[in-house]
Protein backbone atom coordinates (compact mmCIF):
# COMPACT_ATOMS: atom_id res chain seq x y z
CA MET A 1 -6.54 -15.31 -34.47
CA ASP A 2 -5.61 -18.54 -36.23
CA LYS A 3 -2.35 -20.42 -35.61
CA ALA A 4 -0.57 -19.08 -38.68
CA ARG A 5 -1.31 -15.48 -37.76
CA GLU A 6 -0.34 -16.14 -34.14
CA GLU A 7 3.05 -17.52 -35.20
CA GLY A 8 3.65 -14.42 -37.30
CA TYR A 9 2.57 -11.98 -34.60
CA ASN A 10 5.33 -9.49 -33.79
CA ILE A 11 4.85 -8.13 -30.27
CA LEU A 12 7.31 -5.29 -30.84
CA GLY A 13 6.31 -4.58 -34.43
CA GLU A 14 4.41 -1.60 -35.82
CA GLY A 15 1.35 -3.76 -36.49
CA ALA A 16 1.11 -5.21 -32.97
CA LEU A 17 -1.90 -3.03 -32.18
CA ASP A 18 -3.80 -3.92 -35.35
CA CYS A 19 -4.88 -7.20 -33.77
CA CYS A 20 -3.77 -6.81 -30.18
CA ARG A 21 -2.50 -9.85 -28.29
CA LEU A 22 -0.16 -8.11 -25.88
CA CYS A 23 -1.73 -9.59 -22.76
CA PRO A 24 -3.21 -13.01 -21.89
CA HIS A 25 -6.73 -11.83 -22.81
CA SER A 26 -5.61 -11.80 -26.47
CA CYS A 27 -8.54 -9.56 -27.45
CA GLY A 28 -7.51 -9.39 -31.09
CA VAL A 29 -9.05 -5.92 -31.43
CA ASN A 30 -7.67 -3.27 -33.76
CA ARG A 31 -6.79 -0.62 -31.21
CA LYS A 32 -6.78 2.04 -33.89
CA ASP A 33 -10.57 1.62 -33.97
CA ALA A 34 -11.48 0.38 -30.47
CA SER A 35 -10.02 -0.20 -27.04
CA GLY A 36 -9.23 -3.67 -25.79
CA PHE A 37 -9.94 -5.31 -22.43
CA CYS A 38 -7.27 -3.02 -20.95
CA GLY A 39 -9.27 0.04 -21.96
CA CYS A 40 -6.44 1.37 -24.11
CA GLY A 41 -6.45 2.61 -27.67
CA VAL A 42 -3.57 3.18 -30.02
CA SER A 43 -2.00 6.15 -28.22
CA VAL A 44 0.03 5.95 -25.02
CA ARG A 45 -1.79 7.40 -22.02
CA ALA A 46 -0.14 8.17 -18.70
CA ALA A 47 -1.34 9.87 -15.51
CA LYS A 48 1.89 10.92 -13.81
CA ALA A 49 5.68 10.84 -14.09
CA GLN A 50 7.65 11.59 -10.95
CA LEU A 51 10.43 10.66 -8.57
CA HIS A 52 8.59 8.08 -6.46
CA HIS A 53 9.81 7.36 -2.92
CA TRP A 54 7.39 4.63 -1.84
CA GLU A 55 8.69 1.59 -3.69
CA GLU A 56 10.92 -1.04 -2.06
CA PRO A 57 14.10 0.56 -0.58
CA CYS A 58 16.37 -0.92 -3.27
CA ILE A 59 14.13 0.60 -5.97
CA SER A 60 13.43 4.04 -4.48
CA GLY A 61 16.88 4.45 -2.96
CA ARG A 62 17.71 7.89 -1.60
CA LEU A 63 16.55 10.02 -4.54
CA GLY A 64 13.54 8.11 -5.80
CA SER A 65 12.44 5.87 -8.62
CA GLY A 66 11.56 7.51 -11.94
CA ALA A 67 7.99 6.23 -12.09
CA VAL A 68 5.78 6.60 -15.15
CA PHE A 69 2.20 5.61 -14.29
CA PHE A 70 0.48 4.37 -17.44
CA SER A 71 -3.31 4.35 -17.84
CA GLY A 72 -5.22 1.11 -18.33
CA CYS A 73 -4.69 -2.39 -16.97
CA THR A 74 -5.06 -6.03 -17.96
CA LEU A 75 -6.76 -6.89 -14.64
CA ARG A 76 -9.94 -5.71 -12.90
CA CYS A 77 -8.92 -5.77 -9.24
CA CYS A 78 -11.89 -4.64 -7.19
CA TYR A 79 -9.58 -3.17 -4.52
CA CYS A 80 -7.17 -1.32 -6.86
CA GLN A 81 -5.73 1.80 -5.23
CA ASN A 82 -4.97 3.24 -8.67
CA TYR A 83 -8.55 2.75 -9.87
CA SER A 84 -8.85 6.13 -11.58
CA ILE A 85 -6.08 5.25 -14.03
CA SER A 86 -6.33 1.46 -14.18
CA GLN A 87 -10.06 1.26 -14.87
CA GLN A 88 -11.31 4.78 -15.57
CA ALA A 89 -8.75 5.64 -18.26
CA PHE A 90 -7.66 8.91 -16.65
CA GLY A 91 -4.51 10.15 -18.30
CA LYS A 92 -2.86 12.25 -20.99
CA GLU A 93 -1.96 11.08 -24.47
CA LEU A 94 1.76 11.02 -25.24
CA SER A 95 3.73 10.50 -28.40
CA VAL A 96 6.64 8.08 -28.45
CA ARG A 97 9.01 11.05 -28.57
CA GLN A 98 7.36 12.67 -25.55
CA LEU A 99 7.60 9.41 -23.61
CA ALA A 100 11.29 9.12 -24.47
CA ASP A 101 11.89 12.69 -23.29
CA ILE A 102 10.15 11.90 -20.00
CA PHE A 103 12.60 9.04 -19.44
CA LEU A 104 15.52 11.39 -20.00
CA ARG A 105 14.08 14.08 -17.73
CA LEU A 106 13.55 11.64 -14.88
CA GLN A 107 17.15 10.51 -15.23
CA GLU A 108 18.33 14.12 -15.16
CA GLU A 109 16.32 14.68 -11.97
CA GLY A 110 18.32 11.94 -10.28
CA ALA A 111 16.07 8.90 -10.62
CA HIS A 112 17.77 5.63 -9.71
CA ASN A 113 15.81 3.87 -12.46
CA ILE A 114 12.99 4.27 -14.98
CA ASN A 115 9.96 2.56 -13.43
CA LEU A 116 7.35 1.51 -16.01
CA VAL A 117 4.14 1.09 -14.00
CA THR A 118 1.55 -1.07 -15.82
CA ALA A 119 3.10 -0.62 -19.27
CA THR A 120 1.89 -3.89 -20.83
CA PRO A 121 -0.82 -2.29 -23.05
CA TYR A 122 1.89 -0.05 -24.50
CA VAL A 123 4.81 -2.44 -24.98
CA PRO A 124 5.48 -1.55 -28.66
CA GLN A 125 5.41 2.20 -28.00
CA THR A 126 7.49 1.89 -24.82
CA VAL A 127 10.15 -0.14 -26.60
CA ALA A 128 10.18 2.41 -29.43
CA ALA A 129 10.69 5.20 -26.86
CA LEU A 130 13.50 3.29 -25.19
CA ASP A 131 15.16 2.69 -28.56
CA LEU A 132 15.22 6.46 -29.14
CA VAL A 133 17.19 7.17 -25.96
CA ARG A 134 18.91 3.94 -24.90
CA HIS A 135 22.28 5.38 -25.82
CA ARG A 136 21.66 8.18 -23.31
CA LEU A 137 20.10 6.18 -20.48
CA HIS A 138 22.54 4.80 -17.92
CA ILE A 139 20.07 3.71 -15.23
CA PRO A 140 18.11 0.41 -15.01
CA ILE A 141 14.65 -0.08 -16.50
CA VAL A 142 12.04 -1.50 -14.12
CA TYR A 143 8.93 -3.33 -15.34
CA ASN A 144 6.31 -2.86 -12.60
CA CYS A 145 3.31 -5.07 -13.37
CA GLY A 146 0.47 -7.17 -12.02
CA GLY A 147 2.16 -10.45 -12.96
CA TYR A 148 -0.54 -11.35 -15.50
CA GLU A 149 1.79 -11.32 -18.50
CA ARG A 150 2.17 -13.30 -21.71
CA LEU A 151 5.30 -15.39 -21.71
CA GLU A 152 6.06 -14.07 -25.21
CA VAL A 153 5.99 -10.47 -23.96
CA VAL A 154 8.41 -11.26 -21.13
CA ARG A 155 10.79 -12.94 -23.55
CA SER A 156 10.56 -10.08 -26.04
CA LEU A 157 11.65 -7.60 -23.35
CA LYS A 158 14.80 -9.50 -22.38
CA ASP A 159 17.15 -6.86 -23.80
CA TYR A 160 15.12 -3.92 -22.43
CA ILE A 161 14.21 -4.74 -18.84
CA ASP A 162 16.79 -4.92 -16.06
CA ILE A 163 14.48 -5.30 -13.06
CA TRP A 164 11.15 -7.08 -12.95
CA LEU A 165 8.72 -5.99 -10.24
CA PRO A 166 5.67 -8.25 -10.65
CA ASP A 167 2.80 -8.96 -8.29
CA LEU A 168 1.96 -12.53 -7.46
CA LYS A 169 -1.58 -12.02 -6.23
CA TYR A 170 -3.38 -15.36 -5.92
CA TYR A 171 -2.99 -19.11 -5.94
CA ASP A 172 -6.70 -19.97 -5.94
CA PRO A 173 -8.44 -19.39 -9.33
CA TRP A 174 -11.72 -18.71 -7.54
CA LEU A 175 -10.16 -15.77 -5.71
CA SER A 176 -8.49 -14.37 -8.83
CA SER A 177 -11.77 -14.63 -10.73
CA ARG A 178 -13.77 -12.99 -7.94
CA PHE A 179 -11.40 -10.15 -7.14
CA SER A 180 -9.52 -9.53 -10.42
CA GLY A 181 -11.71 -10.93 -13.18
CA VAL A 182 -9.39 -13.72 -14.41
CA SER A 183 -9.59 -17.38 -13.44
CA ASP A 184 -6.20 -18.31 -14.93
CA TYR A 185 -4.18 -15.75 -12.97
CA PHE A 186 -1.85 -18.16 -11.16
CA SER A 187 -1.15 -20.40 -14.14
CA VAL A 188 -0.25 -17.36 -16.26
CA ALA A 189 1.63 -15.37 -13.61
CA SER A 190 3.65 -18.33 -12.34
CA ARG A 191 4.98 -19.03 -15.85
CA ALA A 192 5.73 -15.37 -16.50
CA ILE A 193 7.55 -14.88 -13.19
CA THR A 194 9.58 -18.05 -13.67
CA GLN A 195 10.74 -16.63 -17.00
CA MET A 196 11.57 -13.26 -15.44
CA VAL A 197 13.81 -14.97 -12.88
CA ARG A 198 15.40 -17.10 -15.60
CA GLN A 199 16.19 -14.03 -17.72
CA THR A 200 17.74 -11.87 -15.01
CA GLY A 201 19.57 -14.33 -12.77
CA PRO A 202 20.52 -13.45 -9.18
CA PRO A 203 19.93 -9.82 -8.10
CA THR A 204 22.81 -7.39 -8.38
CA PHE A 205 23.18 -4.06 -6.59
CA SER A 206 25.14 -0.83 -6.72
CA PRO A 207 27.72 -0.23 -4.00
CA ALA A 208 26.14 0.25 -0.59
CA GLY A 209 24.64 3.66 -0.06
CA LYS A 210 22.06 5.39 2.09
CA PRO A 211 19.49 4.28 3.04
CA ALA A 212 20.20 1.05 1.14
CA PRO A 213 21.97 -0.29 -1.94
CA VAL A 214 20.06 0.21 -5.20
CA MET A 215 19.16 -2.79 -7.34
CA LYS A 216 20.70 -2.86 -10.81
CA LYS A 217 19.29 -6.15 -12.03
CA GLY A 218 16.93 -8.77 -10.64
CA VAL A 219 13.38 -9.69 -9.70
CA ILE A 220 11.30 -8.52 -6.75
CA ILE A 221 8.06 -10.48 -6.36
CA ARG A 222 5.34 -8.56 -4.55
CA HIS A 223 2.47 -10.16 -2.70
CA LEU A 224 -0.31 -8.16 -1.09
CA VAL A 225 -1.80 -10.00 1.87
CA LEU A 226 -5.59 -9.66 1.71
CA PRO A 227 -7.93 -9.75 4.72
CA GLY A 228 -9.40 -13.18 5.27
CA HIS A 229 -7.13 -14.93 2.76
CA ARG A 230 -3.83 -15.63 4.53
CA LYS A 231 -4.10 -19.33 3.60
CA ASP A 232 -3.93 -18.43 -0.08
CA SER A 233 -0.86 -16.29 0.65
CA ILE A 234 0.75 -19.26 2.35
CA ARG A 235 0.05 -21.50 -0.65
CA LEU A 236 1.87 -18.97 -2.84
CA LEU A 237 4.83 -18.95 -0.47
CA HIS A 238 5.12 -22.74 -0.72
CA TRP A 239 5.09 -22.49 -4.50
CA LEU A 240 7.83 -19.86 -4.47
CA ALA A 241 9.98 -21.88 -2.09
CA HIS A 242 9.71 -25.07 -4.12
CA SER A 243 9.61 -23.71 -7.67
CA LEU A 244 12.14 -20.86 -7.95
CA PRO A 245 15.88 -21.01 -7.24
CA LYS A 246 16.89 -19.70 -3.83
CA GLY A 247 18.75 -16.40 -3.92
CA HIS A 248 17.47 -15.50 -7.39
CA PHE A 249 14.66 -13.17 -6.32
CA TYR A 250 13.52 -10.89 -3.53
CA LEU A 251 10.13 -11.25 -1.89
CA SER A 252 8.14 -8.17 -0.84
CA LEU A 253 5.23 -9.00 1.49
CA LEU A 254 2.85 -6.06 1.43
CA ARG A 255 0.60 -5.09 4.32
CA GLN A 256 -0.71 -1.92 2.70
CA TYR A 257 -4.19 -3.13 1.72
CA THR A 258 -6.48 -0.17 2.38
CA PRO A 259 -10.28 -0.58 2.17
CA TYR A 260 -11.03 3.02 1.31
CA ARG A 261 -13.22 1.98 -1.64
CA GLN A 262 -16.07 0.32 0.25
CA ASN A 263 -17.90 -2.26 -1.84
CA GLY A 264 -20.90 -4.22 -0.63
CA SER A 265 -20.11 -7.04 -3.06
CA TYR A 266 -16.90 -7.89 -1.18
CA PRO A 267 -17.70 -7.53 2.54
CA GLU A 268 -14.64 -9.57 3.56
CA LEU A 269 -12.42 -6.87 2.04
CA ASN A 270 -13.96 -3.98 3.96
CA ARG A 271 -11.32 -4.12 6.68
CA ARG A 272 -7.56 -4.01 7.05
CA VAL A 273 -5.34 -7.04 7.42
CA THR A 274 -4.91 -8.01 11.06
CA SER A 275 -1.53 -8.37 12.74
CA TYR A 276 -2.23 -12.08 13.23
CA GLU A 277 -2.89 -12.61 9.50
CA TYR A 278 0.15 -10.70 8.30
CA ASP A 279 2.52 -12.09 10.95
CA LYS A 280 1.43 -15.63 10.12
CA VAL A 281 2.35 -15.08 6.46
CA VAL A 282 5.70 -13.52 7.38
CA ARG A 283 6.57 -16.38 9.75
CA THR A 284 5.75 -18.91 7.06
CA ALA A 285 8.02 -17.12 4.60
CA LEU A 286 10.89 -17.23 7.07
CA GLU A 287 10.28 -20.90 7.84
CA LEU A 288 10.45 -21.65 4.10
CA GLY A 289 13.75 -19.82 3.72
CA LEU A 290 12.23 -16.82 1.94
CA GLY A 291 13.84 -14.22 4.16
CA GLN A 292 15.51 -12.31 1.32
CA GLY A 293 13.26 -9.31 0.81
CA TYR A 294 10.96 -6.88 2.56
CA THR A 295 8.05 -6.67 4.97
CA GLN A 296 5.91 -3.67 5.90
CA HIS A 297 4.95 -1.98 9.14
CA LYS A 298 1.33 -1.81 10.25
CA ASN A 299 1.10 1.91 9.42
CA SER A 300 1.76 1.21 5.73
CA ALA A 301 -2.01 0.76 5.20
CA LYS A 302 -2.68 4.41 4.55
CA GLN A 303 -4.35 6.08 1.60
CA GLU A 304 -1.78 8.87 1.52
CA TYR A 305 0.84 6.46 0.17
CA THR A 306 -1.14 6.26 -3.08
CA PRO A 307 0.06 8.87 -5.61
CA ILE A 308 -2.25 11.70 -6.58
CA PHE A 309 -2.76 11.35 -10.30
CA ASP A 310 -2.75 14.91 -11.60
CA LEU A 311 -0.79 14.54 -14.86
CA GLY A 312 2.26 15.88 -13.06
CA GLY A 313 5.52 15.47 -14.92
CA LEU A 314 3.85 14.90 -18.28
């Protein structure tokens, strides 16, 4: 796409999928005729919509987060626990009206928020669905993503997203290229996350409840510690400590890496994270003043914590 067309590109407009540039890959494909890098066409596809109890405590709360798991992804993580929907396109097609009705139903079921899981390929349709029911939604909207986001998309969602829940996966471009198929992951994700923090400001919460207060606005940055790569995790922690304002985000250090998809191409990933590796990362975070957030117990590395994608709730 040339510069003139890029400047006129409307991320939220009806023609956004005619020459798709919703993610950093900027495929430029007409998704009415073909799928892009994300594997998505013109219609919304989702694999499940449910009250989800396995997010961070301030997201799941007591009753659960209203999670909508979209199909497709802008990354190719070799260890993805949601592989069947992120890379195999499992899911059901939904109209914008159906998606809007799902948001309302989840709210009626008691969801603390609407949790958009990997919605980037469907930003125009998701915004259209939110526009249909915004006057009836009184719970926060969560954008749950891999962190590999166009700055323009983050900015365009300023008036729609209350809570950002991005991953920050890698510092080293070699690792991001090897494990997720993109060499520019950190440069892209660091800019996007900085903008997310800038847009939301310090986290705010509902009055204290059980088991914990529920977040109403803010950013939670997730990092999954991978076996054999604690030093890369520590580099990310130093970047967070020196680049983002203290008190303006929560950090969630994940220990849940589960090697249940054995792959001979990545032998170093065919094991769980050791206590030494994870504890070293946690100690570094505390030393850097990044104690505002969450850690996980050793037993979090279990396959049963991954949702069963059965089209439930759709």
